[in-house]
């Protein structure tokens, strides 16, 4: 039996991880779009530059071990740092985690609130593009998920929240 070189083994492992990340991204985006549909928001399209940047930022956070927003201009961002408890992460569950913030959102007095910022960005009607990154935190049983959106949501101009975060139908 021939042994695989370390470089070849790393390439195989990279392909497995990339495949799992693709599945995770698809799960998250499909769940986002289903939940956005309840609010009359159009579907998000995955775009390469946002996906690349979200993955890069997830990798940086995973290396640091704590969350920090990238603050890239013109982009909205949601970040989750999650205990995996040895389980495989499901993109739909992460979408639901952010969506559950809706319970704290006041549709009769819509405005920015820290406790609902992931929900409002996820539903933000004028956002059309998304990119998703996921990375395992070094030496811990945690993963970081980054979603970047364009155009940016959570705008504070008068009427923006009422227009972009409608109640579910």
C-alpha atoms as a PDB file:
ATOM      1  CA  UNK A   1       0.000   0.000   0.000  1.00  0.00           C
ATOM      2  CA  UNK A   2       1.389   3.394  -0.995  1.00  0.00           C
ATOM      3  CA  UNK A   3       1.333   6.146   1.619  1.00  0.00           C
ATOM      4  CA  UNK A   4       0.049   9.590   0.755  1.00  0.00           C
ATOM      5  CA  UNK A   5       2.426  12.502   1.152  1.00  0.00           C
ATOM      6  CA  UNK A   6       1.607  15.157   3.736  1.00  0.00           C
ATOM      7  CA  UNK A   7       0.961  17.680   0.947  1.00  0.00           C
ATOM      8  CA  UNK A   8      -1.405  15.284  -0.848  1.00  0.00           C
ATOM      9  CA  UNK A   9      -3.230  14.537   2.418  1.00  0.00           C
ATOM     10  CA  UNK A  10      -3.635  18.270   3.085  1.00  0.00           C
ATOM     11  CA  UNK A  11      -5.060  18.778  -0.428  1.00  0.00           C
ATOM     12  CA  UNK A  12      -7.588  15.970   0.099  1.00  0.00           C
ATOM     13  CA  UNK A  13      -8.556  17.390   3.486  1.00  0.00           C
ATOM     14  CA  UNK A  14      -8.925  20.868   1.919  1.00  0.00           C
ATOM     15  CA  UNK A  15     -11.300  19.463  -0.712  1.00  0.00           C
ATOM     16  CA  UNK A  16     -13.389  17.728   1.975  1.00  0.00           C
ATOM     17  CA  UNK A  17     -13.570  20.929   4.052  1.00  0.00           C
ATOM     18  CA  UNK A  18     -14.393  23.025   0.945  1.00  0.00           C
ATOM     19  CA  UNK A  19     -17.188  20.603   0.049  1.00  0.00           C
ATOM     20  CA  UNK A  20     -18.641  20.784   3.569  1.00  0.00           C
ATOM     21  CA  UNK A  21     -18.391  24.589   3.497  1.00  0.00           C
ATOM     22  CA  UNK A  22     -20.287  24.660   0.171  1.00  0.00           C
ATOM     23  CA  UNK A  23     -23.064  22.529   1.656  1.00  0.00           C
ATOM     24  CA  UNK A  24     -23.157  24.725   4.783  1.00  0.00           C
ATOM     25  CA  UNK A  25     -23.321  27.932   2.709  1.00  0.00           C
ATOM     26  CA  UNK A  26     -26.143  26.521   0.591  1.00  0.00           C
ATOM     27  CA  UNK A  27     -28.081  25.487   3.734  1.00  0.00           C
ATOM     28  CA  UNK A  28     -27.671  28.947   5.266  1.00  0.00           C
ATOM     29  CA  UNK A  29     -28.618  30.848   2.109  1.00  0.00           C
ATOM     30  CA  UNK A  30     -31.613  28.590   1.381  1.00  0.00           C
ATOM     31  CA  UNK A  31     -32.866  29.078   4.950  1.00  0.00           C
ATOM     32  CA  UNK A  32     -32.242  32.847   4.732  1.00  0.00           C
ATOM     33  CA  UNK A  33     -34.293  33.015   1.537  1.00  0.00           C
ATOM     34  CA  UNK A  34     -37.154  30.971   2.967  1.00  0.00           C
ATOM     35  CA  UNK A  35     -37.297  33.190   6.063  1.00  0.00           C
ATOM     36  CA  UNK A  36     -36.981  36.375   3.983  1.00  0.00           C
ATOM     37  CA  UNK A  37     -39.938  35.149   1.949  1.00  0.00           C
ATOM     38  CA  UNK A  38     -42.163  35.292   5.049  1.00  0.00           C
ATOM     39  CA  UNK A  39     -41.493  39.031   5.111  1.00  0.00           C
ATOM     40  CA  UNK A  40     -41.827  39.701   1.392  1.00  0.00           C
ATOM     41  CA  UNK A  41     -38.080  40.256   0.987  1.00  0.00           C
ATOM     42  CA  UNK A  42     -36.547  39.037  -2.288  1.00  0.00           C
ATOM     43  CA  UNK A  43     -34.130  36.119  -2.392  1.00  0.00           C
ATOM     44  CA  UNK A  44     -30.454  36.768  -1.806  1.00  0.00           C
ATOM     45  CA  UNK A  45     -27.932  35.701  -4.428  1.00  0.00           C
ATOM     46  CA  UNK A  46     -24.555  34.321  -3.389  1.00  0.00           C
ATOM     47  CA  UNK A  47     -21.766  36.378  -4.946  1.00  0.00           C
ATOM     48  CA  UNK A  48     -18.109  35.439  -5.165  1.00  0.00           C
ATOM     49  CA  UNK A  49     -16.491  38.573  -3.735  1.00  0.00           C
ATOM     50  CA  UNK A  50     -18.705  38.546  -0.637  1.00  0.00           C
ATOM     51  CA  UNK A  51     -18.145  34.807  -0.170  1.00  0.00           C
ATOM     52  CA  UNK A  52     -14.374  35.261  -0.485  1.00  0.00           C
ATOM     53  CA  UNK A  53     -14.314  38.148   1.981  1.00  0.00           C
ATOM     54  CA  UNK A  54     -16.690  36.471   4.447  1.00  0.00           C
ATOM     55  CA  UNK A  55     -14.491  33.354   4.410  1.00  0.00           C
ATOM     56  CA  UNK A  56     -11.356  35.423   4.877  1.00  0.00           C
ATOM     57  CA  UNK A  57     -12.938  37.218   7.840  1.00  0.00           C
ATOM     58  CA  UNK A  58     -14.199  33.927   9.354  1.00  0.00           C
ATOM     59  CA  UNK A  59     -10.637  32.572   9.125  1.00  0.00           C
ATOM     60  CA  UNK A  60      -9.265  35.685  10.872  1.00  0.00           C
ATOM     61  CA  UNK A  61     -11.833  35.456  13.683  1.00  0.00           C
ATOM     62  CA  UNK A  62     -11.182  31.725  14.060  1.00  0.00           C
ATOM     63  CA  UNK A  63      -7.478  32.453  14.480  1.00  0.00           C
ATOM     64  CA  UNK A  64      -8.138  35.211  17.063  1.00  0.00           C
ATOM     65  CA  UNK A  65     -10.848  33.256  18.901  1.00  0.00           C
ATOM     66  CA  UNK A  66     -13.195  36.215  19.417  1.00  0.00           C
ATOM     67  CA  UNK A  67     -15.687  38.113  17.283  1.00  0.00           C
ATOM     68  CA  UNK A  68     -14.987  41.446  15.698  1.00  0.00           C
ATOM     69  CA  UNK A  69     -16.767  43.091  12.793  1.00  0.00           C
ATOM     70  CA  UNK A  70     -14.798  43.716   9.619  1.00  0.00           C
ATOM     71  CA  UNK A  71     -16.480  47.093   9.055  1.00  0.00           C
ATOM     72  CA  UNK A  72     -15.956  46.883   5.311  1.00  0.00           C
ATOM     73  CA  UNK A  73     -17.702  49.835   3.653  1.00  0.00           C
ATOM     74  CA  UNK A  74     -21.004  49.151   1.908  1.00  0.00           C
ATOM     75  CA  UNK A  75     -21.577  45.779   3.579  1.00  0.00           C
ATOM     76  CA  UNK A  76     -23.776  44.471   6.321  1.00  0.00           C
ATOM     77  CA  UNK A  77     -22.450  41.664   8.453  1.00  0.00           C
ATOM     78  CA  UNK A  78     -23.723  39.000  10.831  1.00  0.00           C
ATOM     79  CA  UNK A  79     -21.323  36.915  12.900  1.00  0.00           C
ATOM     80  CA  UNK A  80     -21.907  33.913  15.134  1.00  0.00           C
ATOM     81  CA  UNK A  81     -19.286  32.218  17.290  1.00  0.00           C
ATOM     82  CA  UNK A  82     -20.812  28.863  18.188  1.00  0.00           C
ATOM     83  CA  UNK A  83     -19.971  25.899  20.382  1.00  0.00           C
ATOM     84  CA  UNK A  84     -20.209  22.839  18.144  1.00  0.00           C
ATOM     85  CA  UNK A  85     -20.012  20.203  20.896  1.00  0.00           C
ATOM     86  CA  UNK A  86     -18.427  17.861  18.369  1.00  0.00           C
ATOM     87  CA  UNK A  87     -21.409  18.128  16.013  1.00  0.00           C
ATOM     88  CA  UNK A  88     -21.421  19.241  12.410  1.00  0.00           C
ATOM     89  CA  UNK A  89     -22.771  22.744  11.942  1.00  0.00           C
ATOM     90  CA  UNK A  90     -25.994  23.203   9.946  1.00  0.00           C
ATOM     91  CA  UNK A  91     -26.488  26.442   8.007  1.00  0.00           C
ATOM     92  CA  UNK A  92     -30.241  26.357   8.487  1.00  0.00           C
ATOM     93  CA  UNK A  93     -29.792  26.312  12.266  1.00  0.00           C
ATOM     94  CA  UNK A  94     -27.574  29.395  12.136  1.00  0.00           C
ATOM     95  CA  UNK A  95     -30.190  31.221  10.032  1.00  0.00           C
ATOM     96  CA  UNK A  96     -32.863  30.277  12.578  1.00  0.00           C
ATOM     97  CA  UNK A  97     -30.640  31.494  15.423  1.00  0.00           C
ATOM     98  CA  UNK A  98     -30.402  34.933  13.817  1.00  0.00           C
ATOM     99  CA  UNK A  99     -34.074  34.896  12.791  1.00  0.00           C
ATOM    100  CA  UNK A 100     -35.175  34.206  16.374  1.00  0.00           C
ATOM    101  CA  UNK A 101     -34.044  37.733  17.274  1.00  0.00           C
ATOM    102  CA  UNK A 102     -37.346  38.829  15.678  1.00  0.00           C
ATOM    103  CA  UNK A 103     -39.038  38.088  19.010  1.00  0.00           C
ATOM    104  CA  UNK A 104     -37.281  41.179  20.391  1.00  0.00           C
ATOM    105  CA  UNK A 105     -37.936  43.403  17.367  1.00  0.00           C
ATOM    106  CA  UNK A 106     -40.740  45.937  17.727  1.00  0.00           C
ATOM    107  CA  UNK A 107     -42.481  46.108  14.356  1.00  0.00           C
ATOM    108  CA  UNK A 108     -44.651  48.987  15.660  1.00  0.00           C
ATOM    109  CA  UNK A 109     -41.518  51.002  16.496  1.00  0.00           C
ATOM    110  CA  UNK A 110     -38.925  49.738  14.003  1.00  0.00           C
ATOM    111  CA  UNK A 111     -35.370  50.940  14.609  1.00  0.00           C
ATOM    112  CA  UNK A 112     -31.862  49.648  15.132  1.00  0.00           C
ATOM    113  CA  UNK A 113     -31.381  47.563  18.245  1.00  0.00           C
ATOM    114  CA  UNK A 114     -28.267  45.582  19.096  1.00  0.00           C
ATOM    115  CA  UNK A 115     -30.374  42.588  20.173  1.00  0.00           C
ATOM    116  CA  UNK A 116     -32.009  42.341  16.730  1.00  0.00           C
ATOM    117  CA  UNK A 117     -29.287  43.463  14.331  1.00  0.00           C
ATOM    118  CA  UNK A 118     -28.690  39.993  12.829  1.00  0.00           C
ATOM    119  CA  UNK A 119     -32.415  39.462  12.227  1.00  0.00           C
ATOM    120  CA  UNK A 120     -32.916  42.881  10.662  1.00  0.00           C
ATOM    121  CA  UNK A 121     -29.879  42.553   8.378  1.00  0.00           C
ATOM    122  CA  UNK A 122     -30.993  39.069   7.331  1.00  0.00           C
ATOM    123  CA  UNK A 123     -34.503  40.296   6.406  1.00  0.00           C
ATOM    124  CA  UNK A 124     -33.424  43.737   5.077  1.00  0.00           C
ATOM    125  CA  UNK A 125     -35.491  44.062   1.926  1.00  0.00           C
ATOM    126  CA  UNK A 126     -33.047  46.100  -0.158  1.00  0.00           C
ATOM    127  CA  UNK A 127     -30.127  43.697   0.453  1.00  0.00           C
ATOM    128  CA  UNK A 128     -29.772  41.466  -2.614  1.00  0.00           C
ATOM    129  CA  UNK A 129     -26.354  39.782  -2.326  1.00  0.00           C
ATOM    130  CA  UNK A 130     -24.770  37.574   0.305  1.00  0.00           C
ATOM    131  CA  UNK A 131     -21.517  35.762   0.981  1.00  0.00           C
ATOM    132  CA  UNK A 132     -20.925  33.243   3.755  1.00  0.00           C
ATOM    133  CA  UNK A 133     -17.766  32.020   5.456  1.00  0.00           C
ATOM    134  CA  UNK A 134     -17.312  29.364   8.128  1.00  0.00           C
ATOM    135  CA  UNK A 135     -14.182  28.320  10.015  1.00  0.00           C
ATOM    136  CA  UNK A 136     -13.248  26.192  12.987  1.00  0.00           C
ATOM    137  CA  UNK A 137     -11.682  28.052  15.901  1.00  0.00           C
ATOM    138  CA  UNK A 138      -8.139  26.856  16.474  1.00  0.00           C
ATOM    139  CA  UNK A 139      -7.804  24.344  19.335  1.00  0.00           C
ATOM    140  CA  UNK A 140     -11.445  24.737  20.435  1.00  0.00           C
ATOM    141  CA  UNK A 141     -14.758  23.021  19.791  1.00  0.00           C
ATOM    142  CA  UNK A 142     -16.155  26.195  18.204  1.00  0.00           C
ATOM    143  CA  UNK A 143     -16.930  27.512  14.750  1.00  0.00           C
ATOM    144  CA  UNK A 144     -17.361  31.023  13.486  1.00  0.00           C
ATOM    145  CA  UNK A 145     -19.904  31.928  10.815  1.00  0.00           C
ATOM    146  CA  UNK A 146     -19.751  35.211   8.913  1.00  0.00           C
ATOM    147  CA  UNK A 147     -22.434  36.422   6.514  1.00  0.00           C
ATOM    148  CA  UNK A 148     -21.826  39.602   4.550  1.00  0.00           C
ATOM    149  CA  UNK A 149     -24.658  41.390   2.744  1.00  0.00           C
ATOM    150  CA  UNK A 150     -24.880  44.050   0.066  1.00  0.00           C
ATOM    151  CA  UNK A 151     -26.286  46.639  -0.074  1.00  0.00           C
ATOM    152  CA  UNK A 152     -25.741  47.140   3.630  1.00  0.00           C
ATOM    153  CA  UNK A 153     -28.809  46.920   5.869  1.00  0.00           C
ATOM    154  CA  UNK A 154     -29.644  48.397   9.264  1.00  0.00           C
ATOM    155  CA  UNK A 155     -29.584  51.956   7.916  1.00  0.00           C
ATOM    156  CA  UNK A 156     -30.608  54.615  10.399  1.00  0.00           C
ATOM    157  CA  UNK A 157     -32.197  57.109   8.037  1.00  0.00           C
ATOM    158  CA  UNK A 158     -35.816  57.895   8.936  1.00  0.00           C
ATOM    159  CA  UNK A 159     -38.204  55.258   7.599  1.00  0.00           C
ATOM    160  CA  UNK A 160     -35.490  52.773   6.579  1.00  0.00           C
ATOM    161  CA  UNK A 161     -36.460  50.085   9.110  1.00  0.00           C
ATOM    162  CA  UNK A 162     -40.168  50.379   8.367  1.00  0.00           C
ATOM    163  CA  UNK A 163     -39.476  50.022   4.636  1.00  0.00           C
ATOM    164  CA  UNK A 164     -36.902  47.199   4.874  1.00  0.00           C
ATOM    165  CA  UNK A 165     -38.030  45.048   7.825  1.00  0.00           C
ATOM    166  CA  UNK A 166     -41.702  44.289   7.232  1.00  0.00           C
ATOM    167  CA  UNK A 167     -43.678  42.059   9.588  1.00  0.00           C
ATOM    168  CA  UNK A 168     -44.209  38.505   8.377  1.00  0.00           C
ATOM    169  CA  UNK A 169     -47.198  37.899   6.146  1.00  0.00           C
END
